[in-house]
Every structure is written in C-alpha cells, then in structure tokens.
Amino acid sequence: MQANILTAYGLQPGECEVRPFGSGLINSTWKVTCGERSYILQRINHQVFKKPELIAQNIDTVGRYLEQQYPGYFFVQPVRTADQQNMVITGTGEYFRLQPFVTGSRSYDVVDNEELAYEAARQFGRFTKLLSGLDCSQIQVTLPDFHNLSLRYQQFEQAIREGNQHRVAEAMDVIRALKRYSFLTEIFSSIQQNPAFKLRVMHHDTKISNVLFDNEQKGLCVIDLDTMMPGYFISDFGDMMRTYLSPASEEETDLSKVSVRPSYFNAIVNGYLSEMEEELSKEEKQHLVYAGQFMVYMQAIRFLADYLNDDVYYGAKYEQHNLARARNQLTLLNAITEQAASLSSVAGAP
C-alpha cells in the first residue's frame, strides 16, 4: 500500500526507505527517506476525524494566508501529489498525506526545562497571533464539540447513570470529587456568552511534541494541525498547563509525583504573552489559571466517563487504566486550584 502512495507523489518506492516515526497515538506516521530528501508520511485516522478532507482544506487555507501575509513565517506545507491533490484517498477509503521532513529539527515528548516551555508557548502564541486577521468562518470544524466542556460534563453524567454500575460504585470517590468542580462548566458557559472572549483559529493540541525545535532548543514552528479550528484561547493555553506543569505525565499512578511547577507556569505565561499580550483582552488574561483548570477538568471527566463506559474510547492497557488517569488529572486539578492565587502572582497575571 505504501508503495502505491509514494508513487502517487511521484516518488520511486524502490529508491525510498520507509520507517515508523514518532509517538503519536491517533495517526500512523512514517519517515520516508529517498536519497537526500526526507518526508513524513501519515495515514489520517478517519475513525477519529470523520472528514479528513476538512483538515486538508484548513491547512491549505492557513498556508495561503500565511504565505500572503507573513511570507517569512516557517510553515510546513503538505506535498502535492503528481496530479496536484493535497492528499491520497485509497480505494479502501484510507487517507494519506506527505510533508517535507524539516532537516535539522527535533521534537520532544517531555518538558524538562523552563526554556522549552517558554519556547513552545511562544510558538503557539505566535501561530494564533499571525492568524488573528483570518476570518474564523473560513476554517472548518474538524472535531465537533472537541473542547465543549458543557457537553463533556453531560456525557460524564450520562456515563454515571447508564454506564457499568460496578465501576460507578468503584469510582464513587472520584465521581464525587469531580462533581464538586462542576462550577468550572458554568464558567465555560459564561465565556461562550462573553464578547470579551474572542473566537480565534486555535491549534487545540499544544503538547510539546507538536513544536519543532532547532539544536539550540529554539522553536521553529508548530506542526500537527489536524485539530486546528475555531476556538477560545483557553484550549491552547490550558493544554500547555495540563501537559507542561507537572513533572509526571497523565499515565503516572504514583500520585505523589503529580504536582505543579510554578516556574513552568511562569514560563508558559511569559512565552505566550510575548506574542499574545496585545491580542488577549483584559478578561481573557484574568482567566489564565482557569484555562488550566478547564483543560485538566475536561480530560479528567473524559477519562472517567470512558472508564464507566468500559473503555470504549481511549482503550486501556490494564483493568483500571482510565480510572488511574482520571485520578491523576484530579490530583493535578487540585494542585492548580490550591495554588491559583500564587500562580497568578508569580506570573504577574492580572
């Protein structure tokens, strides 16, 4: 199959080496090396992204806009097929795309220093700022309700009512703890009604591995734009808090290792505001800490809802995997909430 895909891009399969690449969980990714040229080949998971053509359309729209308005910005454009298509659709309904491999670049899976957090936040902030003049209506929604906390809370409640009642009983302490944070859903609803919170073209998946760096740990560009769509700044800023603040990942079961590193919050704020200071409203800046609570809470209730529904979405490597993930995120949420005032003062946030 890969040979046919390479041929569609005008490459000679016999002259190319194809190897699995990266640590992404959604799409399948390979590095393709053809002599001195290298590429990244991806198969888009159309079980998650129901309309992959919308992803390609969004990337084309953003690529054209940046090329016209900010020609000096480094944006990784997909390679066109021999017949000038932006992806290959196979006879079995699979979607493939090819991108140039950025020579001299590197990515990280873990944020282990403040400089890395700062640079990543700066790159995501710059991306959003440069696209501030692009009409959001030109960008398609690739994952409807992806960060709709109100809907996620409804799904959480439905899982409690209709899910595996043995698991409901088993997880009751976590259920009760997370229900006490339902006020975060009310704040989200108020944000949706508040004109001070602007809909922008957001990345929606700001983990560290979605930034390319040079050998000096300076950011080059953001990548993986599958989830790029209209949204609120709390999605991007909050996901950086969720994935950069703690030295332990969401998979950690020793909850004593889950904590908040204030200096990393400071780095995220400074990096993001170095680009977004003039773009964000006063009220948006007052919700920097809330952004982290919003994203961590949403992930916690999604993990727990999946556990109650017998692990149908995220899957599980062991019996209580999603319950453990939910406990992990609840621990992080507690830590952020307990330190909310000091985090804001440390960062100089309004």
Protein backbone atom coordinates (compact mmCIF):
# COMPACT_ATOMS: atom_id res chain seq x y z
CA MET A 1 0.00 0.00 0.00
CA GLN A 2 2.76 2.48 0.91
CA ALA A 3 4.40 1.85 -2.47
CA ASN A 4 1.23 3.00 -4.26
CA ILE A 5 1.07 6.07 -2.03
CA LEU A 6 4.66 7.03 -2.80
CA THR A 7 4.05 6.55 -6.50
CA ALA A 8 1.10 8.93 -6.31
CA TYR A 9 3.52 11.59 -5.07
CA GLY A 10 5.94 10.96 -7.92
CA LEU A 11 8.42 9.08 -5.74
CA GLN A 12 10.09 5.81 -6.69
CA PRO A 13 9.33 3.24 -3.94
CA GLY A 14 12.44 1.22 -4.77
CA GLU A 15 14.61 4.26 -4.03
CA CYS A 16 12.97 5.09 -0.70
CA GLU A 17 13.32 3.74 2.84
CA VAL A 18 10.15 3.82 4.97
CA ARG A 19 10.31 3.54 8.77
CA PRO A 20 7.74 4.12 11.56
CA PHE A 21 8.22 7.54 13.14
CA GLY A 22 7.15 9.44 16.27
CA SER A 23 4.92 8.63 19.22
CA GLY A 24 1.51 9.88 18.08
CA LEU A 25 -1.49 7.83 19.16
CA ILE A 26 -4.10 8.86 16.58
CA ASN A 27 -2.49 8.80 13.14
CA SER A 28 0.06 6.33 11.79
CA THR A 29 3.32 8.05 10.84
CA TRP A 30 6.40 7.05 8.84
CA LYS A 31 9.62 8.78 7.86
CA VAL A 32 10.33 8.32 4.16
CA THR A 33 13.92 8.78 3.01
CA CYS A 34 14.55 8.97 -0.73
CA GLY A 35 18.23 9.70 -1.30
CA GLU A 36 18.97 13.13 0.16
CA ARG A 37 15.30 14.04 0.56
CA SER A 38 13.16 13.01 3.51
CA TYR A 39 9.44 13.23 4.13
CA ILE A 40 6.83 12.48 6.78
CA LEU A 41 4.02 10.22 5.59
CA GLN A 42 0.84 10.00 7.65
CA ARG A 43 -2.31 7.95 7.48
CA ILE A 44 -5.12 10.01 8.97
CA ASN A 45 -7.32 8.12 11.40
CA HIS A 46 -10.74 8.58 9.79
CA GLN A 47 -12.41 6.85 12.73
CA VAL A 48 -11.47 9.92 14.80
CA PHE A 49 -11.51 12.54 12.03
CA LYS A 50 -14.70 11.73 10.15
CA LYS A 51 -13.95 14.18 7.33
CA PRO A 52 -10.17 14.23 6.71
CA GLU A 53 -10.70 16.41 3.66
CA LEU A 54 -11.60 19.27 6.03
CA ILE A 55 -8.16 19.00 7.63
CA ALA A 56 -6.50 19.35 4.23
CA GLN A 57 -8.79 22.27 3.39
CA ASN A 58 -7.88 24.07 6.62
CA ILE A 59 -4.15 23.59 6.10
CA ASP A 60 -4.46 24.90 2.54
CA THR A 61 -6.40 27.96 3.74
CA VAL A 62 -3.93 28.76 6.51
CA GLY A 63 -0.93 28.08 4.27
CA ARG A 64 -2.17 30.51 1.62
CA TYR A 65 -2.95 33.16 4.22
CA LEU A 66 0.45 32.94 5.87
CA GLU A 67 2.24 32.92 2.53
CA GLN A 68 0.42 36.11 1.51
CA GLN A 69 0.52 37.97 4.82
CA TYR A 70 3.66 36.62 6.53
CA PRO A 71 5.92 35.10 3.86
CA GLY A 72 8.81 34.89 6.34
CA TYR A 73 6.92 32.59 8.71
CA PHE A 74 8.08 29.00 8.53
CA PHE A 75 5.04 26.86 7.74
CA VAL A 76 5.32 23.22 6.73
CA GLN A 77 3.20 22.89 3.60
CA PRO A 78 2.00 19.43 2.54
CA VAL A 79 3.46 17.97 -0.64
CA ARG A 80 1.07 17.87 -3.60
CA THR A 81 0.52 14.63 -5.48
CA ALA A 82 1.54 14.26 -9.12
CA ASP A 83 -1.98 15.39 -10.06
CA GLN A 84 -1.89 18.30 -7.59
CA GLN A 85 -4.08 16.82 -4.85
CA ASN A 86 -3.41 17.62 -1.17
CA MET A 87 -3.82 14.01 -0.07
CA VAL A 88 -4.24 10.50 -1.41
CA ILE A 89 -7.51 8.64 -0.87
CA THR A 90 -7.13 4.92 -1.47
CA GLY A 91 -9.71 2.58 -2.92
CA THR A 92 -10.34 1.24 0.60
CA GLY A 93 -11.11 4.71 1.95
CA GLU A 94 -7.82 5.45 3.69
CA TYR A 95 -6.38 8.96 3.71
CA PHE A 96 -2.66 9.67 3.35
CA ARG A 97 -0.68 12.90 3.27
CA LEU A 98 3.01 13.67 2.73
CA GLN A 99 5.00 16.54 4.22
CA PRO A 100 8.64 17.56 3.92
CA PHE A 101 10.80 16.41 6.81
CA VAL A 102 12.34 19.51 8.41
CA THR A 103 16.07 18.83 8.32
CA GLY A 104 17.93 19.79 11.48
CA SER A 105 14.75 19.86 13.54
CA ARG A 106 13.95 17.86 16.62
CA SER A 107 10.91 17.30 18.83
CA TYR A 108 10.43 16.42 22.47
CA ASP A 109 7.94 14.25 24.32
CA VAL A 110 8.69 15.68 27.79
CA VAL A 111 9.07 19.26 29.02
CA ASP A 112 12.05 19.07 31.35
CA ASN A 113 13.15 22.72 31.50
CA GLU A 114 11.55 26.15 31.62
CA GLU A 115 13.19 27.33 28.40
CA LEU A 116 11.45 24.56 26.46
CA ALA A 117 8.10 25.52 27.99
CA TYR A 118 8.70 29.19 27.14
CA GLU A 119 9.65 28.45 23.53
CA ALA A 120 6.69 26.14 22.94
CA ALA A 121 4.25 28.67 24.41
CA ARG A 122 5.80 31.41 22.29
CA GLN A 123 5.40 29.33 19.13
CA PHE A 124 1.75 28.54 19.80
CA GLY A 125 1.08 32.18 20.72
CA ARG A 126 2.77 33.41 17.56
CA PHE A 127 0.78 30.99 15.42
CA THR A 128 -2.50 32.30 16.84
CA LYS A 129 -1.43 35.94 16.61
CA LEU A 130 -0.41 35.68 12.97
CA LEU A 131 -3.78 34.15 12.13
CA SER A 132 -5.75 36.82 14.01
CA GLY A 133 -6.63 38.51 10.73
CA LEU A 134 -8.03 35.34 9.20
CA ASP A 135 -11.82 35.07 9.33
CA CYS A 136 -12.66 32.06 11.51
CA SER A 137 -15.58 31.21 9.24
CA GLN A 138 -13.02 30.13 6.61
CA ILE A 139 -11.75 27.39 8.93
CA GLN A 140 -13.74 24.17 9.15
CA VAL A 141 -14.52 22.30 12.38
CA THR A 142 -12.64 19.01 12.14
CA LEU A 143 -13.81 17.62 15.51
CA PRO A 144 -17.22 18.99 16.51
CA ASP A 145 -17.51 19.85 20.24
CA PHE A 146 -13.92 18.73 20.86
CA HIS A 147 -13.45 21.19 23.75
CA ASN A 148 -17.09 21.76 24.63
CA LEU A 149 -16.91 21.33 28.40
CA SER A 150 -20.68 21.59 28.80
CA LEU A 151 -21.20 18.61 26.50
CA ARG A 152 -18.36 16.66 28.13
CA TYR A 153 -19.99 17.16 31.53
CA GLN A 154 -23.33 15.91 30.16
CA GLN A 155 -21.55 12.84 28.80
CA PHE A 156 -19.93 12.35 32.22
CA GLU A 157 -23.33 12.44 33.94
CA GLN A 158 -24.78 10.07 31.34
CA ALA A 159 -21.94 7.62 31.97
CA ILE A 160 -22.72 7.70 35.70
CA ARG A 161 -26.39 6.93 35.01
CA GLU A 162 -26.03 4.41 32.20
CA GLY A 163 -22.50 3.04 32.47
CA ASN A 164 -21.11 -0.04 34.20
CA GLN A 165 -22.63 0.30 37.68
CA HIS A 166 -19.96 -1.87 39.26
CA ARG A 167 -17.39 0.61 38.01
CA VAL A 168 -19.58 3.53 39.10
CA ALA A 169 -19.55 2.20 42.65
CA GLU A 170 -15.82 1.55 42.47
CA ALA A 171 -15.08 5.11 41.31
CA MET A 172 -17.56 6.94 43.55
CA ASP A 173 -14.87 8.89 45.42
CA VAL A 174 -13.51 10.30 42.16
CA ILE A 175 -17.03 10.96 40.85
CA ARG A 176 -17.91 12.99 43.92
CA ALA A 177 -14.64 14.92 43.81
CA LEU A 178 -15.08 15.81 40.15
CA LYS A 179 -18.70 16.83 40.64
CA ARG A 180 -17.52 19.40 43.16
CA TYR A 181 -15.70 21.10 40.28
CA SER A 182 -18.86 21.44 38.15
CA PHE A 183 -18.66 25.22 38.62
CA LEU A 184 -15.87 25.15 36.03
CA THR A 185 -18.52 24.15 33.49
CA GLU A 186 -20.62 27.17 34.47
CA ILE A 187 -17.63 29.47 33.92
CA PHE A 188 -17.14 27.95 30.47
CA SER A 189 -20.78 28.64 29.62
CA SER A 190 -20.32 32.27 30.66
CA ILE A 191 -17.21 32.53 28.48
CA GLN A 192 -19.21 31.37 25.47
CA GLN A 193 -21.61 34.28 26.04
CA ASN A 194 -18.92 36.88 26.73
CA PRO A 195 -17.83 39.03 23.75
CA ALA A 196 -14.51 39.72 25.54
CA PHE A 197 -13.58 36.11 24.69
CA LYS A 198 -12.82 36.00 21.00
CA LEU A 199 -13.16 33.01 18.73
CA ARG A 200 -9.80 32.52 17.05
CA VAL A 201 -8.04 29.95 14.90
CA MET A 202 -6.59 27.73 17.65
CA HIS A 203 -4.35 24.68 17.47
CA HIS A 204 -6.25 22.66 20.14
CA ASP A 205 -3.42 20.17 20.81
CA THR A 206 -0.49 22.07 22.30
CA LYS A 207 1.56 19.21 23.72
CA ILE A 208 5.30 19.70 23.43
CA SER A 209 5.70 17.15 20.62
CA ASN A 210 3.71 19.45 18.32
CA VAL A 211 6.52 22.01 18.20
CA LEU A 212 9.68 21.56 16.16
CA PHE A 213 12.90 22.93 17.68
CA ASP A 214 16.39 23.55 16.40
CA ASN A 215 19.51 22.17 18.06
CA GLU A 216 19.59 25.14 20.45
CA GLN A 217 16.08 24.36 21.72
CA LYS A 218 14.67 27.38 19.90
CA GLY A 219 11.25 26.90 18.37
CA LEU A 220 10.97 26.60 14.60
CA CYS A 221 7.26 26.05 14.00
CA VAL A 222 4.15 24.24 15.17
CA ILE A 223 3.04 21.03 13.49
CA ASP A 224 0.14 18.54 13.51
CA LEU A 225 -2.72 20.85 12.52
CA ASP A 226 -5.45 18.19 12.41
CA THR A 227 -7.31 19.81 15.32
CA MET A 228 -6.83 23.39 14.09
CA MET A 229 -10.24 25.05 14.15
CA PRO A 230 -12.10 28.00 15.70
CA GLY A 231 -11.96 28.06 19.50
CA TYR A 232 -11.02 30.02 22.61
CA PHE A 233 -7.52 30.74 23.85
CA ILE A 234 -8.21 28.64 26.97
CA SER A 235 -7.91 25.50 24.84
CA ASP A 236 -4.33 26.11 23.78
CA PHE A 237 -3.09 27.82 26.92
CA GLY A 238 -4.88 25.30 29.13
CA ASP A 239 -3.47 22.29 27.31
CA MET A 240 0.04 23.63 27.78
CA MET A 241 -0.66 23.94 31.51
CA ARG A 242 -2.09 20.42 31.57
CA THR A 243 0.89 18.85 29.84
CA TYR A 244 3.83 21.06 30.92
CA LEU A 245 3.19 21.94 34.58
CA SER A 246 3.64 18.56 36.22
CA PRO A 247 6.90 16.57 36.10
CA ALA A 248 4.70 13.46 35.82
CA SER A 249 2.55 12.58 32.80
CA GLU A 250 -1.13 11.66 32.84
CA GLU A 251 -0.04 7.99 32.93
CA GLU A 252 1.67 8.28 36.33
CA THR A 253 -0.02 6.18 39.04
CA ASP A 254 2.16 7.39 41.91
CA LEU A 255 0.12 10.50 42.63
CA SER A 256 2.80 11.93 44.93
CA LYS A 257 4.73 12.68 41.72
CA VAL A 258 1.89 14.77 40.25
CA SER A 259 2.49 18.41 41.13
CA VAL A 260 2.58 21.95 39.77
CA ARG A 261 5.88 23.61 38.99
CA PRO A 262 5.26 27.38 39.38
CA SER A 263 8.35 28.31 37.37
CA TYR A 264 6.95 26.36 34.42
CA PHE A 265 3.66 28.23 34.68
CA ASN A 266 5.66 31.45 34.65
CA ALA A 267 7.49 30.27 31.53
CA ILE A 268 4.24 29.38 29.74
CA VAL A 269 2.69 32.75 30.59
CA ASN A 270 5.75 34.74 29.53
CA GLY A 271 6.20 32.77 26.32
CA TYR A 272 2.55 33.02 25.33
CA LEU A 273 2.16 36.68 26.23
CA SER A 274 5.37 37.59 24.41
CA GLU A 275 3.23 37.09 21.30
CA MET A 276 -0.35 37.43 22.56
CA GLU A 277 -0.08 40.35 25.03
CA GLU A 278 -1.90 42.80 22.73
CA GLU A 279 -4.22 40.18 21.27
CA LEU A 280 -5.84 39.00 24.51
CA SER A 281 -8.47 41.10 26.27
CA LYS A 282 -8.18 42.04 29.94
CA GLU A 283 -10.85 39.47 30.84
CA GLU A 284 -9.07 36.75 28.90
CA LYS A 285 -5.86 37.46 30.81
CA GLN A 286 -7.81 37.11 34.05
CA HIS A 287 -8.60 33.53 33.05
CA LEU A 288 -5.07 32.21 32.56
CA VAL A 289 -5.24 29.89 35.57
CA TYR A 290 -8.82 28.95 34.72
CA ALA A 291 -7.56 27.77 31.31
CA GLY A 292 -5.55 25.07 33.05
CA GLN A 293 -8.43 24.10 35.31
CA PHE A 294 -10.71 23.94 32.27
CA MET A 295 -8.49 21.57 30.30
CA VAL A 296 -7.46 19.34 33.20
CA TYR A 297 -11.05 19.02 34.38
CA MET A 298 -12.32 18.19 30.92
CA GLN A 299 -9.68 15.50 30.50
CA ALA A 300 -10.41 14.08 33.94
CA ILE A 301 -14.14 13.68 33.30
CA ARG A 302 -13.46 12.26 29.84
CA PHE A 303 -11.12 9.62 31.27
CA LEU A 304 -13.59 8.74 33.99
CA ALA A 305 -16.59 8.66 31.64
CA ASP A 306 -14.67 6.28 29.40
CA TYR A 307 -13.85 4.07 32.37
CA LEU A 308 -17.54 3.95 33.35
CA ASN A 309 -18.41 3.10 29.73
CA ASP A 310 -15.97 0.14 29.73
CA ASP A 311 -13.06 1.89 27.97
CA VAL A 312 -14.68 2.27 24.56
CA TYR A 313 -12.85 5.48 23.51
CA TYR A 314 -9.33 5.64 24.93
CA GLY A 315 -8.90 1.92 25.42
CA ALA A 316 -6.99 0.54 28.40
CA LYS A 317 -3.74 -1.34 28.90
CA TYR A 318 -4.91 -2.66 32.27
CA GLU A 319 -8.17 -3.02 34.18
CA GLN A 320 -8.31 0.39 35.87
CA HIS A 321 -6.22 2.36 33.40
CA ASN A 322 -8.73 5.14 32.71
CA LEU A 323 -9.68 5.35 36.37
CA ALA A 324 -5.99 5.84 37.19
CA ARG A 325 -5.75 8.53 34.52
CA ALA A 326 -8.78 10.28 36.00
CA ARG A 327 -7.25 10.19 39.49
CA ASN A 328 -4.02 11.59 38.05
CA GLN A 329 -5.82 14.52 36.41
CA LEU A 330 -7.92 15.16 39.53
CA THR A 331 -4.69 15.39 41.53
CA LEU A 332 -3.31 17.93 39.07
CA LEU A 333 -6.58 19.89 39.14
CA ASN A 334 -6.46 20.02 42.93
CA ALA A 335 -2.88 21.29 42.81
CA ILE A 336 -3.67 24.02 40.28
CA THR A 337 -6.73 25.13 42.25
CA GLU A 338 -4.89 25.20 45.58
CA GLN A 339 -2.15 27.33 44.03
CA ALA A 340 -4.34 29.53 41.83
CA ALA A 341 -3.67 32.78 43.68
CA SER A 342 0.06 32.23 43.97
CA LEU A 343 0.35 31.12 40.34
CA SER A 344 -1.27 34.33 39.16
CA SER A 345 1.00 36.45 41.34
CA VAL A 346 4.16 34.55 40.36
CA ALA A 347 3.40 35.09 36.68
CA GLY A 348 2.26 38.66 37.15
CA ALA A 349 -1.07 37.66 35.60
CA PRO A 350 -3.92 40.14 36.14
